[in-house]
Amino acid sequence: MNLKFKSWIMDEQIKDQERMLIESEGKKSKTRICMMCSDVFVSEGNHNRICTPCKHTDDWTYGNDYGILD
């Protein structure tokens, strides 16, 4: 294997590791209120607004938007 090629691969690996570190630092967990049941839960990030128990309900599984009106 060529030394320049080996160096390039290592540089790319370091860049990937730095990118993953930056992305993981941006995803901070914090407590949020579930949009379905209004219980407080620990969220994994901005994308996580529904608690785990609610994600296991039929309303969530089948996409029933009317479940929140009950």
N, C-alpha and C. Protein backbone atom coordinates (compact mmCIF):
# COMPACT_ATOMS: atom_id res chain seq x y z
N MET A 1 0.84 -1.18 0.00
CA MET A 1 0.00 0.00 0.00
C MET A 1 0.88 1.24 0.00
N ASN A 2 0.53 2.17 -0.81
CA ASN A 2 1.24 3.43 -0.96
C ASN A 2 1.14 4.25 0.34
N LEU A 3 2.28 4.87 0.74
CA LEU A 3 2.30 5.65 1.98
C LEU A 3 1.37 6.86 1.91
N LYS A 4 1.30 7.52 0.74
CA LYS A 4 0.39 8.67 0.59
C LYS A 4 -1.05 8.23 0.73
N PHE A 5 -1.38 7.08 0.14
CA PHE A 5 -2.74 6.57 0.20
C PHE A 5 -3.10 6.21 1.64
N LYS A 6 -2.15 5.60 2.35
CA LYS A 6 -2.37 5.23 3.75
C LYS A 6 -2.60 6.49 4.59
N SER A 7 -1.83 7.51 4.35
CA SER A 7 -1.98 8.78 5.07
C SER A 7 -3.34 9.40 4.78
N TRP A 8 -3.77 9.34 3.54
CA TRP A 8 -5.07 9.89 3.14
C TRP A 8 -6.21 9.16 3.86
N ILE A 9 -6.11 7.84 3.96
CA ILE A 9 -7.13 7.04 4.64
C ILE A 9 -7.19 7.43 6.12
N MET A 10 -6.05 7.59 6.75
CA MET A 10 -6.02 7.98 8.15
C MET A 10 -6.61 9.37 8.35
N ASP A 11 -6.32 10.30 7.44
CA ASP A 11 -6.89 11.64 7.51
C ASP A 11 -8.42 11.59 7.40
N GLU A 12 -8.93 10.76 6.51
CA GLU A 12 -10.38 10.62 6.34
C GLU A 12 -11.01 10.01 7.59
N GLN A 13 -10.35 9.05 8.20
CA GLN A 13 -10.87 8.44 9.42
C GLN A 13 -10.93 9.46 10.56
N ILE A 14 -9.91 10.27 10.67
CA ILE A 14 -9.88 11.31 11.70
C ILE A 14 -11.00 12.32 11.46
N LYS A 15 -11.21 12.72 10.21
CA LYS A 15 -12.29 13.64 9.89
C LYS A 15 -13.65 13.04 10.24
N ASP A 16 -13.83 11.76 9.95
CA ASP A 16 -15.09 11.09 10.28
C ASP A 16 -15.31 11.05 11.79
N GLN A 17 -14.26 10.77 12.53
CA GLN A 17 -14.37 10.73 14.00
C GLN A 17 -14.72 12.11 14.55
N GLU A 18 -14.08 13.15 14.03
CA GLU A 18 -14.38 14.51 14.47
C GLU A 18 -15.82 14.88 14.14
N ARG A 19 -16.28 14.50 12.95
CA ARG A 19 -17.65 14.80 12.52
C ARG A 19 -18.66 14.10 13.43
N MET A 20 -18.38 12.84 13.76
CA MET A 20 -19.28 12.10 14.65
C MET A 20 -19.30 12.69 16.05
N LEU A 21 -18.15 13.17 16.54
CA LEU A 21 -18.07 13.79 17.85
C LEU A 21 -18.88 15.08 17.88
N ILE A 22 -18.75 15.89 16.84
CA ILE A 22 -19.50 17.15 16.76
C ILE A 22 -21.00 16.87 16.72
N GLU A 23 -21.41 15.88 15.94
CA GLU A 23 -22.83 15.53 15.84
C GLU A 23 -23.36 15.01 17.17
N SER A 24 -22.57 14.20 17.87
CA SER A 24 -23.04 13.64 19.15
C SER A 24 -23.12 14.73 20.22
N GLU A 25 -22.26 15.73 20.16
CA GLU A 25 -22.31 16.83 21.12
C GLU A 25 -23.55 17.69 20.89
N GLY A 26 -24.01 17.78 19.66
CA GLY A 26 -25.18 18.58 19.34
C GLY A 26 -26.47 17.93 19.81
N LYS A 27 -26.46 16.62 20.02
CA LYS A 27 -27.66 15.90 20.45
C LYS A 27 -27.62 15.73 21.96
N LYS A 28 -28.17 16.67 22.66
CA LYS A 28 -28.20 16.62 24.12
C LYS A 28 -29.55 16.08 24.56
N SER A 29 -29.53 15.15 25.51
CA SER A 29 -30.78 14.66 26.04
C SER A 29 -31.26 15.60 27.13
N LYS A 30 -32.57 15.78 27.21
CA LYS A 30 -33.15 16.60 28.26
C LYS A 30 -34.59 16.16 28.47
N THR A 31 -35.18 16.65 29.53
CA THR A 31 -36.56 16.26 29.80
C THR A 31 -37.50 17.08 28.93
N ARG A 32 -38.53 16.40 28.42
CA ARG A 32 -39.54 17.04 27.59
C ARG A 32 -40.91 16.51 28.01
N ILE A 33 -41.94 17.15 27.50
CA ILE A 33 -43.30 16.70 27.73
C ILE A 33 -43.76 15.96 26.49
N CYS A 34 -44.27 14.74 26.68
CA CYS A 34 -44.74 13.92 25.57
C CYS A 34 -45.93 14.61 24.90
N MET A 35 -45.94 14.63 23.59
CA MET A 35 -47.01 15.29 22.84
C MET A 35 -48.29 14.46 22.80
N MET A 36 -48.23 13.19 23.24
CA MET A 36 -49.43 12.36 23.24
C MET A 36 -50.08 12.27 24.62
N CYS A 37 -49.27 12.04 25.66
CA CYS A 37 -49.84 11.80 26.99
C CYS A 37 -49.53 12.91 28.00
N SER A 38 -48.68 13.85 27.63
CA SER A 38 -48.28 14.98 28.49
C SER A 38 -47.44 14.57 29.70
N ASP A 39 -46.92 13.34 29.72
CA ASP A 39 -46.00 12.94 30.78
C ASP A 39 -44.61 13.47 30.47
N VAL A 40 -43.82 13.66 31.51
CA VAL A 40 -42.44 14.11 31.35
C VAL A 40 -41.57 12.88 31.10
N PHE A 41 -40.64 12.98 30.13
CA PHE A 41 -39.73 11.88 29.82
C PHE A 41 -38.39 12.44 29.39
N VAL A 42 -37.36 11.61 29.39
CA VAL A 42 -36.03 12.03 28.94
C VAL A 42 -35.95 11.84 27.43
N SER A 43 -35.78 12.93 26.73
CA SER A 43 -35.74 12.93 25.28
C SER A 43 -34.31 12.72 24.79
N GLU A 44 -34.17 12.03 23.66
CA GLU A 44 -32.85 11.78 23.08
C GLU A 44 -32.35 12.95 22.24
N GLY A 45 -33.22 13.90 21.94
CA GLY A 45 -32.84 15.05 21.13
C GLY A 45 -34.08 15.74 20.60
N ASN A 46 -33.87 16.73 19.72
CA ASN A 46 -34.97 17.51 19.18
C ASN A 46 -35.98 16.67 18.42
N HIS A 47 -35.53 15.57 17.87
CA HIS A 47 -36.41 14.71 17.07
C HIS A 47 -37.34 13.86 17.92
N ASN A 48 -37.07 13.75 19.21
CA ASN A 48 -37.80 12.83 20.09
C ASN A 48 -38.81 13.59 20.94
N ARG A 49 -40.10 13.57 20.53
CA ARG A 49 -41.15 14.30 21.24
C ARG A 49 -42.24 13.40 21.79
N ILE A 50 -42.15 12.10 21.51
CA ILE A 50 -43.12 11.13 21.99
C ILE A 50 -42.40 10.13 22.90
N CYS A 51 -42.95 9.87 24.09
CA CYS A 51 -42.30 8.95 25.03
C CYS A 51 -42.40 7.50 24.53
N THR A 52 -41.55 6.65 25.05
CA THR A 52 -41.50 5.25 24.63
C THR A 52 -42.82 4.51 24.85
N PRO A 53 -43.47 4.65 26.02
CA PRO A 53 -44.75 3.95 26.19
C PRO A 53 -45.79 4.34 25.13
N CYS A 54 -45.83 5.60 24.76
CA CYS A 54 -46.79 6.05 23.74
C CYS A 54 -46.44 5.50 22.36
N LYS A 55 -45.17 5.29 22.10
CA LYS A 55 -44.76 4.73 20.81
C LYS A 55 -45.18 3.27 20.66
N HIS A 56 -45.52 2.62 21.76
CA HIS A 56 -45.96 1.23 21.71
C HIS A 56 -47.48 1.10 21.66
N THR A 57 -48.20 2.22 21.58
CA THR A 57 -49.66 2.17 21.49
C THR A 57 -50.09 1.94 20.05
N ASP A 58 -51.31 1.46 19.89
CA ASP A 58 -51.86 1.25 18.54
C ASP A 58 -52.01 2.58 17.80
N ASP A 59 -52.37 3.64 18.53
CA ASP A 59 -52.53 4.94 17.89
C ASP A 59 -51.24 5.39 17.21
N TRP A 60 -50.13 5.21 17.89
CA TRP A 60 -48.83 5.61 17.31
C TRP A 60 -48.43 4.66 16.19
N THR A 61 -48.60 3.37 16.42
CA THR A 61 -48.17 2.35 15.46
C THR A 61 -48.90 2.50 14.13
N TYR A 62 -50.21 2.75 14.18
CA TYR A 62 -51.01 2.80 12.96
C TYR A 62 -51.24 4.22 12.45
N GLY A 63 -50.65 5.22 13.11
CA GLY A 63 -50.74 6.59 12.63
C GLY A 63 -52.09 7.23 12.88
N ASN A 64 -52.78 6.81 13.94
CA ASN A 64 -54.07 7.38 14.27
C ASN A 64 -53.87 8.72 14.97
N ASP A 65 -54.08 9.81 14.26
CA ASP A 65 -53.91 11.14 14.82
C ASP A 65 -55.01 11.50 15.82
N TYR A 66 -56.12 10.77 15.79
CA TYR A 66 -57.24 11.09 16.65
C TYR A 66 -57.08 10.54 18.06
N GLY A 67 -56.03 9.78 18.30
CA GLY A 67 -55.79 9.23 19.63
C GLY A 67 -55.56 10.31 20.68
N ILE A 68 -55.08 11.47 20.28
CA ILE A 68 -54.82 12.54 21.24
C ILE A 68 -56.10 13.25 21.65
N LEU A 69 -57.20 13.02 20.95
CA LEU A 69 -58.45 13.68 21.28
C LEU A 69 -59.27 12.92 22.33
N ASP A 70 -58.83 11.71 22.67
CA ASP A 70 -59.59 10.91 23.65
C ASP A 70 -59.65 11.53 25.00
